[in-house]
C-alpha cells in the first residue's frame, strides 16, 4: 500500500467514526448500527480460514488432548475412591 492510499483510508475511517455524533438521536442510532456492521464486515475480510489439512490436524490434536486429560481425571477419580474406601472402609 502506498502512503497516500493509507492516508485516504485513515481519513475516511475517522469520518465514519465521527458520523454517529451528528444528527438527531434516531439517525445517530442507525448510523451507529451501520458503522458496527461495516466494522464487522471489515474484520471478517481479515479472517484467514484454515485449509482442510490444517483443520484435520487441529481437530486431531484437540481430540487427543481432551482424551488424555479425560483419562488423567478418570485415573485420579479412581485413586481417590480407593483411598477413601481404604481410610473409611467399605
N, C-alpha and C. Protein backbone atom coordinates (compact mmCIF):
# COMPACT_ATOMS: atom_id res chain seq x y z
N UNK A 1 0.83 -1.17 0.00
CA UNK A 1 0.00 0.00 0.00
C UNK A 1 0.88 1.24 0.00
N UNK A 2 0.45 2.21 -0.72
CA UNK A 2 1.23 3.44 -0.75
C UNK A 2 0.82 4.33 0.41
N UNK A 3 1.63 5.34 0.63
CA UNK A 3 1.36 6.25 1.73
C UNK A 3 0.06 7.03 1.52
N UNK A 4 -0.22 7.39 0.27
CA UNK A 4 -1.43 8.16 0.01
C UNK A 4 -2.68 7.31 0.19
N UNK A 5 -2.61 6.02 -0.18
CA UNK A 5 -3.80 5.18 -0.03
C UNK A 5 -4.11 4.90 1.43
N UNK A 6 -3.07 4.74 2.26
CA UNK A 6 -3.31 4.52 3.69
C UNK A 6 -3.80 5.80 4.35
N UNK A 7 -3.31 6.94 3.91
CA UNK A 7 -3.77 8.20 4.49
C UNK A 7 -5.22 8.44 4.13
N UNK A 8 -5.61 8.10 2.91
CA UNK A 8 -7.00 8.25 2.50
C UNK A 8 -7.92 7.33 3.27
N UNK A 9 -7.45 6.11 3.51
CA UNK A 9 -8.26 5.16 4.27
C UNK A 9 -8.42 5.62 5.71
N UNK A 10 -7.34 6.20 6.27
CA UNK A 10 -7.41 6.65 7.65
C UNK A 10 -8.36 7.83 7.79
N UNK A 11 -8.35 8.74 6.82
CA UNK A 11 -9.23 9.90 6.93
C UNK A 11 -10.69 9.49 6.76
N UNK A 12 -10.97 8.55 5.85
CA UNK A 12 -12.35 8.10 5.69
C UNK A 12 -12.80 7.31 6.91
N UNK A 13 -11.86 6.60 7.55
CA UNK A 13 -12.19 5.86 8.77
C UNK A 13 -12.54 6.83 9.88
N UNK A 14 -11.79 7.93 9.99
CA UNK A 14 -12.09 8.93 11.01
C UNK A 14 -13.44 9.57 10.75
N UNK A 15 -13.76 9.80 9.48
CA UNK A 15 -15.05 10.41 9.14
C UNK A 15 -16.20 9.48 9.52
N UNK A 16 -16.01 8.18 9.31
CA UNK A 16 -17.06 7.22 9.67
C UNK A 16 -17.25 7.17 11.18
N UNK A 17 -16.16 7.28 11.94
CA UNK A 17 -16.27 7.21 13.38
C UNK A 17 -16.96 8.44 13.95
N UNK A 18 -16.83 9.57 13.29
CA UNK A 18 -17.47 10.79 13.76
C UNK A 18 -18.94 10.85 13.37
N UNK A 19 -19.36 10.07 12.42
CA UNK A 19 -20.72 10.14 11.90
C UNK A 19 -21.79 9.93 12.96
N UNK A 20 -21.65 8.99 13.92
CA UNK A 20 -22.72 8.79 14.89
C UNK A 20 -22.95 10.00 15.80
N UNK A 21 -22.03 10.96 15.87
CA UNK A 21 -22.20 12.12 16.74
C UNK A 21 -22.99 13.24 16.09
N UNK A 22 -23.39 13.10 14.84
CA UNK A 22 -24.11 14.16 14.13
C UNK A 22 -25.55 13.75 13.90
N UNK A 23 -26.46 14.75 13.90
CA UNK A 23 -27.86 14.47 13.59
C UNK A 23 -28.69 14.17 14.82
N UNK A 24 -29.94 13.81 14.56
CA UNK A 24 -30.85 13.52 15.67
C UNK A 24 -30.58 12.11 16.23
N UNK A 25 -31.16 11.80 17.37
CA UNK A 25 -30.86 10.51 18.01
C UNK A 25 -31.21 9.29 17.16
N UNK A 26 -32.30 9.37 16.39
CA UNK A 26 -32.69 8.23 15.56
C UNK A 26 -31.67 7.99 14.46
N UNK A 27 -31.24 9.07 13.80
CA UNK A 27 -30.26 8.89 12.72
C UNK A 27 -28.91 8.47 13.29
N UNK A 28 -28.57 8.96 14.50
CA UNK A 28 -27.31 8.53 15.13
C UNK A 28 -27.38 7.04 15.46
N UNK A 29 -28.55 6.57 15.90
CA UNK A 29 -28.73 5.16 16.23
C UNK A 29 -28.49 4.29 15.00
N UNK A 30 -29.14 4.65 13.87
CA UNK A 30 -28.97 3.86 12.66
C UNK A 30 -27.58 4.01 12.07
N UNK A 31 -26.96 5.17 12.24
CA UNK A 31 -25.58 5.36 11.78
C UNK A 31 -24.63 4.49 12.60
N UNK A 32 -24.90 4.39 13.90
CA UNK A 32 -24.06 3.55 14.75
C UNK A 32 -24.20 2.08 14.37
N UNK A 33 -25.42 1.66 14.06
CA UNK A 33 -25.63 0.27 13.63
C UNK A 33 -24.92 0.01 12.31
N UNK A 34 -25.03 0.96 11.38
CA UNK A 34 -24.36 0.81 10.08
C UNK A 34 -22.85 0.76 10.26
N UNK A 35 -22.31 1.60 11.15
CA UNK A 35 -20.87 1.59 11.41
C UNK A 35 -20.46 0.26 12.02
N UNK A 36 -21.26 -0.25 12.95
CA UNK A 36 -20.96 -1.52 13.60
C UNK A 36 -20.92 -2.66 12.58
N UNK A 37 -21.91 -2.73 11.71
CA UNK A 37 -21.96 -3.78 10.69
C UNK A 37 -20.79 -3.62 9.72
N UNK A 38 -20.47 -2.38 9.37
CA UNK A 38 -19.33 -2.13 8.48
C UNK A 38 -18.03 -2.62 9.11
N UNK A 39 -17.86 -2.38 10.39
CA UNK A 39 -16.65 -2.84 11.09
C UNK A 39 -16.62 -4.36 11.18
N UNK A 40 -17.76 -4.98 11.38
CA UNK A 40 -17.82 -6.45 11.40
C UNK A 40 -17.37 -7.02 10.06
N UNK A 41 -17.89 -6.44 8.98
CA UNK A 41 -17.52 -6.93 7.65
C UNK A 41 -16.04 -6.69 7.37
N UNK A 42 -15.50 -5.55 7.83
CA UNK A 42 -14.07 -5.29 7.67
C UNK A 42 -13.24 -6.34 8.39
N UNK A 43 -13.65 -6.71 9.59
CA UNK A 43 -12.90 -7.73 10.34
C UNK A 43 -13.04 -9.11 9.71
N UNK A 44 -14.22 -9.42 9.19
CA UNK A 44 -14.41 -10.73 8.57
C UNK A 44 -13.57 -10.88 7.31
N UNK A 45 -13.29 -9.77 6.63
CA UNK A 45 -12.42 -9.84 5.45
C UNK A 45 -10.99 -10.20 5.82
N UNK A 46 -10.60 -9.94 7.07
CA UNK A 46 -9.23 -10.22 7.53
C UNK A 46 -9.05 -11.67 7.97
N UNK A 47 -10.15 -12.39 8.13
CA UNK A 47 -10.09 -13.76 8.66
C UNK A 47 -9.41 -14.67 7.64
N UNK A 48 -8.47 -15.48 8.14
CA UNK A 48 -7.82 -16.48 7.30
C UNK A 48 -8.38 -17.83 7.70
N UNK A 49 -9.07 -18.46 6.78
CA UNK A 49 -9.68 -19.74 7.08
C UNK A 49 -8.65 -20.87 6.90
N UNK A 50 -8.68 -21.86 7.80
CA UNK A 50 -7.71 -22.95 7.69
C UNK A 50 -8.02 -23.85 6.49
N UNK A 51 -6.95 -24.45 5.98
CA UNK A 51 -7.13 -25.41 4.88
C UNK A 51 -7.70 -26.70 5.47
N UNK A 52 -8.10 -27.60 4.59
CA UNK A 52 -8.67 -28.88 5.05
C UNK A 52 -7.64 -29.65 5.88
N UNK A 53 -6.38 -29.66 5.44
CA UNK A 53 -5.32 -30.37 6.16
C UNK A 53 -5.12 -29.76 7.55
N UNK A 54 -5.08 -28.44 7.65
CA UNK A 54 -4.91 -27.78 8.95
C UNK A 54 -6.10 -28.08 9.86
N UNK A 55 -7.29 -28.07 9.30
CA UNK A 55 -8.49 -28.33 10.10
C UNK A 55 -8.46 -29.75 10.67
N UNK A 56 -8.09 -30.71 9.85
CA UNK A 56 -7.99 -32.10 10.32
C UNK A 56 -6.92 -32.22 11.40
N UNK A 57 -5.78 -31.55 11.19
CA UNK A 57 -4.69 -31.59 12.16
C UNK A 57 -5.13 -30.99 13.49
N UNK A 58 -5.72 -29.80 13.45
CA UNK A 58 -6.16 -29.13 14.68
C UNK A 58 -7.22 -29.96 15.40
N UNK A 59 -8.15 -30.53 14.66
CA UNK A 59 -9.19 -31.34 15.27
C UNK A 59 -8.59 -32.58 15.93
N UNK A 60 -7.64 -33.21 15.28
CA UNK A 60 -6.98 -34.41 15.85
C UNK A 60 -6.24 -34.06 17.13
N UNK A 61 -5.55 -32.94 17.14
CA UNK A 61 -4.81 -32.52 18.33
C UNK A 61 -5.77 -32.26 19.49
N UNK A 62 -6.87 -31.60 19.22
CA UNK A 62 -7.84 -31.30 20.28
C UNK A 62 -8.46 -32.58 20.82
N UNK A 63 -8.84 -33.50 19.96
CA UNK A 63 -9.43 -34.76 20.42
C UNK A 63 -8.42 -35.56 21.23
N UNK A 64 -7.17 -35.61 20.80
CA UNK A 64 -6.14 -36.34 21.54
C UNK A 64 -5.90 -35.70 22.91
N UNK A 65 -5.80 -34.38 22.95
CA UNK A 65 -5.56 -33.70 24.22
C UNK A 65 -6.72 -33.90 25.19
N UNK A 66 -7.94 -33.77 24.72
CA UNK A 66 -9.10 -33.96 25.58
C UNK A 66 -9.15 -35.40 26.08
N UNK A 67 -8.81 -36.36 25.24
CA UNK A 67 -8.80 -37.77 25.66
C UNK A 67 -7.77 -38.01 26.75
N UNK A 68 -6.58 -37.43 26.61
CA UNK A 68 -5.53 -37.60 27.62
C UNK A 68 -5.96 -36.98 28.95
N UNK A 69 -6.52 -35.78 28.90
CA UNK A 69 -6.97 -35.14 30.13
C UNK A 69 -8.11 -35.93 30.76
N UNK A 70 -9.00 -36.45 29.93
CA UNK A 70 -10.11 -37.24 30.44
C UNK A 70 -9.59 -38.50 31.15
N UNK A 71 -8.62 -39.18 30.56
CA UNK A 71 -8.04 -40.37 31.20
C UNK A 71 -7.33 -40.01 32.50
N UNK A 72 -6.65 -38.88 32.53
CA UNK A 72 -5.96 -38.41 33.74
C UNK A 72 -6.97 -38.17 34.87
N UNK A 73 -8.05 -37.47 34.56
CA UNK A 73 -9.06 -37.18 35.57
C UNK A 73 -9.75 -38.48 36.02
N UNK A 74 -10.02 -39.39 35.09
CA UNK A 74 -10.62 -40.67 35.44
C UNK A 74 -9.71 -41.44 36.39
N UNK A 75 -8.40 -41.45 36.09
CA UNK A 75 -7.44 -42.13 36.95
C UNK A 75 -7.37 -41.52 38.34
N UNK A 76 -7.37 -40.19 38.41
CA UNK A 76 -7.37 -39.54 39.72
C UNK A 76 -8.64 -39.88 40.49
N UNK A 77 -9.76 -39.91 39.81
CA UNK A 77 -11.02 -40.25 40.46
C UNK A 77 -10.97 -41.66 41.04
N UNK A 78 -10.47 -42.60 40.26
CA UNK A 78 -10.38 -43.99 40.74
C UNK A 78 -9.44 -44.08 41.95
N UNK A 79 -8.34 -43.34 41.90
CA UNK A 79 -7.37 -43.33 43.00
C UNK A 79 -8.00 -42.76 44.26
N UNK A 80 -8.71 -41.66 44.14
CA UNK A 80 -9.34 -41.03 45.30
C UNK A 80 -10.43 -41.94 45.88
N UNK A 81 -11.20 -42.60 45.02
CA UNK A 81 -12.23 -43.53 45.51
C UNK A 81 -11.60 -44.66 46.29
N UNK A 82 -10.50 -45.21 45.82
CA UNK A 82 -9.82 -46.30 46.54
C UNK A 82 -9.24 -45.82 47.87
N UNK A 83 -8.67 -44.58 47.87
CA UNK A 83 -8.12 -44.06 49.11
C UNK A 83 -9.22 -43.82 50.14
N UNK A 84 -10.34 -43.28 49.71
CA UNK A 84 -11.45 -43.04 50.63
C UNK A 84 -11.98 -44.38 51.15
N UNK A 85 -12.10 -45.37 50.27
CA UNK A 85 -12.57 -46.69 50.70
C UNK A 85 -11.58 -47.32 51.67
N UNK A 86 -10.28 -47.11 51.47
CA UNK A 86 -9.26 -47.67 52.36
C UNK A 86 -9.33 -46.99 53.72
N UNK A 87 -9.48 -45.67 53.73
CA UNK A 87 -9.47 -44.93 55.00
C UNK A 87 -10.75 -45.18 55.80
N UNK A 88 -11.90 -45.12 55.13
CA UNK A 88 -13.17 -45.22 55.85
C UNK A 88 -13.78 -46.62 55.79
N UNK A 89 -13.18 -47.52 55.09
CA UNK A 89 -13.71 -48.87 54.99
C UNK A 89 -14.83 -48.93 53.95
N UNK A 90 -15.26 -50.15 53.65
CA UNK A 90 -16.31 -50.32 52.62
C UNK A 90 -17.63 -49.99 53.17
